[in-house]
PDB file of all heavy atoms in Angstrom:
ATOM      1  N   ILE A   1      -8.845 -14.680 -17.614  1.00  0.00           N
ATOM      2  CA  ILE A   1      -8.264 -14.821 -16.273  1.00  0.00           C
ATOM      3  C   ILE A   1      -8.539 -13.561 -15.460  1.00  0.00           C
ATOM      4  O   ILE A   1      -8.873 -13.628 -14.267  1.00  0.00           O
ATOM      5  CB  ILE A   1      -6.752 -15.094 -16.376  1.00  0.00           C
ATOM      6  CG1 ILE A   1      -6.483 -16.431 -17.063  1.00  0.00           C
ATOM      7  CG2 ILE A   1      -6.100 -15.088 -14.992  1.00  0.00           C
ATOM      8  CD1 ILE A   1      -5.035 -16.653 -17.449  1.00  0.00           C
ATOM      9  N   ARG A   2      -8.388 -12.397 -16.093  1.00  0.00           N
ATOM     10  CA  ARG A   2      -8.637 -11.137 -15.393  1.00  0.00           C
ATOM     11  C   ARG A   2     -10.059 -11.054 -14.849  1.00  0.00           C
ATOM     12  O   ARG A   2     -10.294 -10.570 -13.741  1.00  0.00           O
ATOM     13  CB  ARG A   2      -8.400  -9.959 -16.345  1.00  0.00           C
ATOM     14  CG  ARG A   2      -6.951  -9.675 -16.649  1.00  0.00           C
ATOM     15  CD  ARG A   2      -6.802  -8.728 -17.835  1.00  0.00           C
ATOM     16  NE  ARG A   2      -7.667  -7.551 -17.722  1.00  0.00           N
ATOM     17  CZ  ARG A   2      -7.357  -6.454 -17.054  1.00  0.00           C
ATOM     18  NH1 ARG A   2      -6.214  -6.386 -16.408  1.00  0.00           N
ATOM     19  NH2 ARG A   2      -8.190  -5.435 -17.016  1.00  0.00           N
ATOM     20  N   HIS A   3     -11.017 -11.523 -15.629  1.00  0.00           N
ATOM     21  CA  HIS A   3     -12.412 -11.449 -15.195  1.00  0.00           C
ATOM     22  C   HIS A   3     -12.744 -12.499 -14.141  1.00  0.00           C
ATOM     23  O   HIS A   3     -13.710 -12.337 -13.390  1.00  0.00           O
ATOM     24  CB  HIS A   3     -13.343 -11.595 -16.400  1.00  0.00           C
ATOM     25  CG  HIS A   3     -13.416 -10.371 -17.257  1.00  0.00           C
ATOM     26  ND1 HIS A   3     -14.095  -9.236 -16.882  1.00  0.00           N
ATOM     27  CD2 HIS A   3     -12.880 -10.087 -18.474  1.00  0.00           C
ATOM     28  CE1 HIS A   3     -13.988  -8.310 -17.820  1.00  0.00           C
ATOM     29  NE2 HIS A   3     -13.249  -8.802 -18.804  1.00  0.00           N
ATOM     30  N   ALA A   4     -11.947 -13.558 -14.066  1.00  0.00           N
ATOM     31  CA  ALA A   4     -12.242 -14.661 -13.143  1.00  0.00           C
ATOM     32  C   ALA A   4     -11.664 -14.451 -11.756  1.00  0.00           C
ATOM     33  O   ALA A   4     -12.079 -15.132 -10.809  1.00  0.00           O
ATOM     34  CB  ALA A   4     -11.724 -15.977 -13.717  1.00  0.00           C
ATOM     35  N   HIS A   5     -10.712 -13.518 -11.596  1.00  0.00           N
ATOM     36  CA  HIS A   5      -9.988 -13.401 -10.327  1.00  0.00           C
ATOM     37  C   HIS A   5     -10.123 -12.012  -9.731  1.00  0.00           C
ATOM     38  O   HIS A   5      -9.722 -11.018 -10.338  1.00  0.00           O
ATOM     39  CB  HIS A   5      -8.503 -13.726 -10.533  1.00  0.00           C
ATOM     40  CG  HIS A   5      -8.229 -15.187 -10.701  1.00  0.00           C
ATOM     41  ND1 HIS A   5      -8.075 -16.049  -9.635  1.00  0.00           N
ATOM     42  CD2 HIS A   5      -8.110 -15.946 -11.816  1.00  0.00           C
ATOM     43  CE1 HIS A   5      -7.858 -17.270 -10.083  1.00  0.00           C
ATOM     44  NE2 HIS A   5      -7.883 -17.241 -11.404  1.00  0.00           N
ATOM     45  N   SER A   6     -10.647 -11.948  -8.512  1.00  0.00           N
ATOM     46  CA  SER A   6     -10.739 -10.673  -7.805  1.00  0.00           C
ATOM     47  C   SER A   6      -9.356 -10.105  -7.504  1.00  0.00           C
ATOM     48  O   SER A   6      -9.190  -8.895  -7.381  1.00  0.00           O
ATOM     49  CB  SER A   6     -11.531 -10.843  -6.508  1.00  0.00           C
ATOM     50  OG  SER A   6     -10.928 -11.815  -5.668  1.00  0.00           O
ATOM     51  N   ALA A   7      -8.354 -10.985  -7.379  1.00  0.00           N
ATOM     52  CA  ALA A   7      -6.988 -10.518  -7.119  1.00  0.00           C
ATOM     53  C   ALA A   7      -6.475  -9.622  -8.238  1.00  0.00           C
ATOM     54  O   ALA A   7      -5.583  -8.799  -8.016  1.00  0.00           O
ATOM     55  CB  ALA A   7      -6.052 -11.712  -6.938  1.00  0.00           C
ATOM     56  N   LEU A   8      -7.007  -9.782  -9.438  1.00  0.00           N
ATOM     57  CA  LEU A   8      -6.557  -8.996 -10.582  1.00  0.00           C
ATOM     58  C   LEU A   8      -7.427  -7.760 -10.809  1.00  0.00           C
ATOM     59  O   LEU A   8      -7.236  -7.036 -11.784  1.00  0.00           O
ATOM     60  CB  LEU A   8      -6.543  -9.876 -11.838  1.00  0.00           C
ATOM     61  CG  LEU A   8      -5.664 -11.129 -11.731  1.00  0.00           C
ATOM     62  CD1 LEU A   8      -5.812 -11.992 -12.976  1.00  0.00           C
ATOM     63  CD2 LEU A   8      -4.207 -10.762 -11.494  1.00  0.00           C
ATOM     64  N   GLY A   9      -8.358  -7.512  -9.905  1.00  0.00           N
ATOM     65  CA  GLY A   9      -9.225  -6.353 -10.002  1.00  0.00           C
ATOM     66  C   GLY A   9      -8.687  -5.171  -9.218  1.00  0.00           C
ATOM     67  O   GLY A   9      -7.562  -5.186  -8.701  1.00  0.00           O
ATOM     68  N   PRO A  10      -9.479  -4.125  -9.071  1.00  0.00           N
ATOM     69  CA  PRO A  10      -9.007  -2.890  -8.436  1.00  0.00           C
ATOM     70  C   PRO A  10      -8.582  -3.050  -6.987  1.00  0.00           C
ATOM     71  O   PRO A  10      -7.783  -2.257  -6.493  1.00  0.00           O
ATOM     72  CB  PRO A  10     -10.233  -1.958  -8.539  1.00  0.00           C
ATOM     73  CG  PRO A  10     -11.070  -2.526  -9.619  1.00  0.00           C
ATOM     74  CD  PRO A  10     -10.846  -3.998  -9.602  1.00  0.00           C
ATOM     75  N   ARG A  11      -9.094  -4.073  -6.282  1.00  0.00           N
ATOM     76  CA  ARG A  11      -8.765  -4.215  -4.867  1.00  0.00           C
ATOM     77  C   ARG A  11      -7.597  -5.169  -4.631  1.00  0.00           C
ATOM     78  O   ARG A  11      -7.177  -5.380  -3.493  1.00  0.00           O
ATOM     79  CB  ARG A  11     -10.005  -4.678  -4.098  1.00  0.00           C
ATOM     80  CG  ARG A  11     -11.185  -3.727  -4.241  1.00  0.00           C
ATOM     81  CD  ARG A  11     -12.410  -4.218  -3.512  1.00  0.00           C
ATOM     82  NE  ARG A  11     -12.232  -4.157  -2.076  1.00  0.00           N
ATOM     83  CZ  ARG A  11     -13.062  -4.714  -1.202  1.00  0.00           C
ATOM     84  NH1 ARG A  11     -14.125  -5.390  -1.652  1.00  0.00           N
ATOM     85  NH2 ARG A  11     -12.853  -4.620   0.087  1.00  0.00           N
ATOM     86  N   GLY A  12      -7.079  -5.768  -5.691  1.00  0.00           N
ATOM     87  CA  GLY A  12      -5.955  -6.673  -5.550  1.00  0.00           C
ATOM     88  C   GLY A  12      -4.671  -5.924  -5.216  1.00  0.00           C
ATOM     89  O   GLY A  12      -4.414  -4.841  -5.721  1.00  0.00           O
ATOM     90  N   GLN A  13      -3.850  -6.512  -4.368  1.00  0.00           N
ATOM     91  CA  GLN A  13      -2.589  -5.901  -3.954  1.00  0.00           C
ATOM     92  C   GLN A  13      -1.431  -6.583  -4.666  1.00  0.00           C
ATOM     93  O   GLN A  13      -1.350  -7.811  -4.694  1.00  0.00           O
ATOM     94  CB  GLN A  13      -2.400  -6.005  -2.442  1.00  0.00           C
ATOM     95  CG  GLN A  13      -1.134  -5.319  -1.941  1.00  0.00           C
ATOM     96  CD  GLN A  13      -1.021  -5.353  -0.427  1.00  0.00           C
ATOM     97  OE1 GLN A  13      -1.795  -6.008   0.253  1.00  0.00           O
ATOM     98  NE2 GLN A  13      -0.044  -4.628   0.111  1.00  0.00           N
ATOM     99  N   LEU A  14      -0.547  -5.777  -5.245  1.00  0.00           N
ATOM    100  CA  LEU A  14       0.608  -6.307  -5.960  1.00  0.00           C
ATOM    101  C   LEU A  14       1.810  -6.371  -5.020  1.00  0.00           C
ATOM    102  O   LEU A  14       2.107  -5.407  -4.300  1.00  0.00           O
ATOM    103  CB  LEU A  14       0.924  -5.441  -7.175  1.00  0.00           C
ATOM    104  CG  LEU A  14       2.013  -5.948  -8.125  1.00  0.00           C
ATOM    105  CD1 LEU A  14       1.699  -5.517  -9.553  1.00  0.00           C
ATOM    106  CD2 LEU A  14       3.405  -5.463  -7.735  1.00  0.00           C
ATOM    107  N   ARG A  15       2.503  -7.510  -5.042  1.00  0.00           N
ATOM    108  CA  ARG A  15       3.739  -7.669  -4.269  1.00  0.00           C
ATOM    109  C   ARG A  15       4.801  -8.286  -5.166  1.00  0.00           C
ATOM    110  O   ARG A  15       4.534  -9.272  -5.855  1.00  0.00           O
ATOM    111  CB  ARG A  15       3.532  -8.575  -3.049  1.00  0.00           C
ATOM    112  CG  ARG A  15       2.557  -8.068  -2.005  1.00  0.00           C
ATOM    113  CD  ARG A  15       2.491  -9.032  -0.836  1.00  0.00           C
ATOM    114  NE  ARG A  15       1.605  -8.580   0.213  1.00  0.00           N
ATOM    115  CZ  ARG A  15       0.320  -8.896   0.316  1.00  0.00           C
ATOM    116  NH1 ARG A  15      -0.236  -9.676  -0.624  1.00  0.00           N
ATOM    117  NH2 ARG A  15      -0.420  -8.462   1.307  1.00  0.00           N
ATOM    118  N   LEU A  16       5.990  -7.737  -5.120  1.00  0.00           N
ATOM    119  CA  LEU A  16       7.115  -8.343  -5.821  1.00  0.00           C
ATOM    120  C   LEU A  16       7.600  -9.560  -5.038  1.00  0.00           C
ATOM    121  O   LEU A  16       7.665  -9.536  -3.806  1.00  0.00           O
ATOM    122  CB  LEU A  16       8.256  -7.340  -5.967  1.00  0.00           C
ATOM    123  CG  LEU A  16       7.957  -6.114  -6.841  1.00  0.00           C
ATOM    124  CD1 LEU A  16       9.083  -5.096  -6.722  1.00  0.00           C
ATOM    125  CD2 LEU A  16       7.763  -6.518  -8.290  1.00  0.00           C
ATOM    126  N   GLN A  17       7.932 -10.621  -5.754  1.00  0.00           N
ATOM    127  CA  GLN A  17       8.515 -11.815  -5.148  1.00  0.00           C
ATOM    128  C   GLN A  17       9.925 -11.995  -5.715  1.00  0.00           C
ATOM    129  O   GLN A  17      10.305 -11.348  -6.698  1.00  0.00           O
ATOM    130  CB  GLN A  17       7.639 -13.034  -5.421  1.00  0.00           C
ATOM    131  CG  GLN A  17       6.186 -12.893  -4.968  1.00  0.00           C
ATOM    132  CD  GLN A  17       6.026 -12.829  -3.451  1.00  0.00           C
ATOM    133  OE1 GLN A  17       6.921 -13.225  -2.698  1.00  0.00           O
ATOM    134  NE2 GLN A  17       4.875 -12.334  -2.990  1.00  0.00           N
ATOM    135  N   ARG A  18      10.707 -12.875  -5.102  1.00  0.00           N
ATOM    136  CA  ARG A  18      12.124 -12.982  -5.453  1.00  0.00           C
ATOM    137  C   ARG A  18      12.410 -14.142  -6.395  1.00  0.00           C
ATOM    138  O   ARG A  18      11.812 -15.215  -6.271  1.00  0.00           O
ATOM    139  CB  ARG A  18      12.960 -13.152  -4.182  1.00  0.00           C
ATOM    140  CG  ARG A  18      13.072 -11.877  -3.342  1.00  0.00           C
ATOM    141  CD  ARG A  18      13.874 -12.132  -2.092  1.00  0.00           C
ATOM    142  NE  ARG A  18      13.128 -12.970  -1.154  1.00  0.00           N
ATOM    143  CZ  ARG A  18      13.660 -13.602  -0.124  1.00  0.00           C
ATOM    144  NH1 ARG A  18      14.957 -13.522   0.095  1.00  0.00           N
ATOM    145  NH2 ARG A  18      12.917 -14.325   0.689  1.00  0.00           N
ATOM    146  N   ALA A  19      13.338 -13.891  -7.302  1.00  0.00           N
ATOM    147  CA  ALA A  19      13.884 -14.932  -8.171  1.00  0.00           C
ATOM    148  C   ALA A  19      15.367 -14.659  -8.343  1.00  0.00           C
ATOM    149  O   ALA A  19      15.771 -13.502  -8.515  1.00  0.00           O
ATOM    150  CB  ALA A  19      13.183 -14.945  -9.526  1.00  0.00           C
ATOM    151  N   ASP A  20      16.203 -15.713  -8.298  1.00  0.00           N
ATOM    152  CA  ASP A  20      17.654 -15.537  -8.338  1.00  0.00           C
ATOM    153  C   ASP A  20      18.188 -15.503  -9.769  1.00  0.00           C
ATOM    154  O   ASP A  20      19.253 -16.060 -10.069  1.00  0.00           O
ATOM    155  CB  ASP A  20      18.347 -16.630  -7.529  1.00  0.00           C
ATOM    156  CG  ASP A  20      18.059 -18.030  -8.045  1.00  0.00           C
ATOM    157  OD1 ASP A  20      17.255 -18.158  -8.995  1.00  0.00           O
ATOM    158  OD2 ASP A  20      18.625 -19.005  -7.505  1.00  0.00           O
ATOM    159  N   ASN A  21      17.464 -14.854 -10.653  1.00  0.00           N
ATOM    160  CA  ASN A  21      17.878 -14.717 -12.039  1.00  0.00           C
ATOM    161  C   ASN A  21      17.348 -13.378 -12.538  1.00  0.00           C
ATOM    162  O   ASN A  21      16.148 -13.097 -12.432  1.00  0.00           O
ATOM    163  CB  ASN A  21      17.316 -15.869 -12.891  1.00  0.00           C
ATOM    164  CG  ASN A  21      17.758 -15.824 -14.333  1.00  0.00           C
ATOM    165  OD1 ASN A  21      18.038 -14.761 -14.886  1.00  0.00           O
ATOM    166  ND2 ASN A  21      17.806 -16.977 -14.977  1.00  0.00           N
ATOM    167  N   ASP A  22      18.227 -12.549 -13.085  1.00  0.00           N
ATOM    168  CA  ASP A  22      17.825 -11.212 -13.521  1.00  0.00           C
ATOM    169  C   ASP A  22      16.938 -11.222 -14.754  1.00  0.00           C
ATOM    170  O   ASP A  22      16.473 -10.166 -15.198  1.00  0.00           O
ATOM    171  CB  ASP A  22      19.069 -10.360 -13.800  1.00  0.00           C
ATOM    172  CG  ASP A  22      19.756  -9.907 -12.524  1.00  0.00           C
ATOM    173  OD1 ASP A  22      19.110  -9.959 -11.466  1.00  0.00           O
ATOM    174  OD2 ASP A  22      20.937  -9.504 -12.594  1.00  0.00           O
ATOM    175  N   GLN A  23      16.709 -12.395 -15.323  1.00  0.00           N
ATOM    176  CA  GLN A  23      15.797 -12.502 -16.464  1.00  0.00           C
ATOM    177  C   GLN A  23      14.427 -13.039 -16.063  1.00  0.00           C
ATOM    178  O   GLN A  23      13.548 -13.161 -16.918  1.00  0.00           O
ATOM    179  CB  GLN A  23      16.403 -13.401 -17.550  1.00  0.00           C
ATOM    180  CG  GLN A  23      17.657 -12.850 -18.193  1.00  0.00           C
ATOM    181  CD  GLN A  23      17.405 -11.573 -18.971  1.00  0.00           C
ATOM    182  OE1 GLN A  23      16.297 -11.315 -19.428  1.00  0.00           O
ATOM    183  NE2 GLN A  23      18.438 -10.762 -19.118  1.00  0.00           N
ATOM    184  N   ILE A  24      14.242 -13.343 -14.795  1.00  0.00           N
ATOM    185  CA  ILE A  24      12.954 -13.876 -14.328  1.00  0.00           C
ATOM    186  C   ILE A  24      12.307 -12.856 -13.399  1.00  0.00           C
ATOM    187  O   ILE A  24      12.846 -12.511 -12.339  1.00  0.00           O
ATOM    188  CB  ILE A  24      13.125 -15.225 -13.591  1.00  0.00           C
ATOM    189  CG1 ILE A  24      13.742 -16.262 -14.510  1.00  0.00           C
ATOM    190  CG2 ILE A  24      11.778 -15.696 -13.042  1.00  0.00           C
ATOM    191  CD1 ILE A  24      12.837 -16.744 -15.624  1.00  0.00           C
TER     192      ILE A  24
END
């Protein structure tokens, strides 16, 4: 998956998203 997606490469930007459970 890492090799197939540019989003997972050096130029990909990470953003936190919300979940209403402290275990997710």
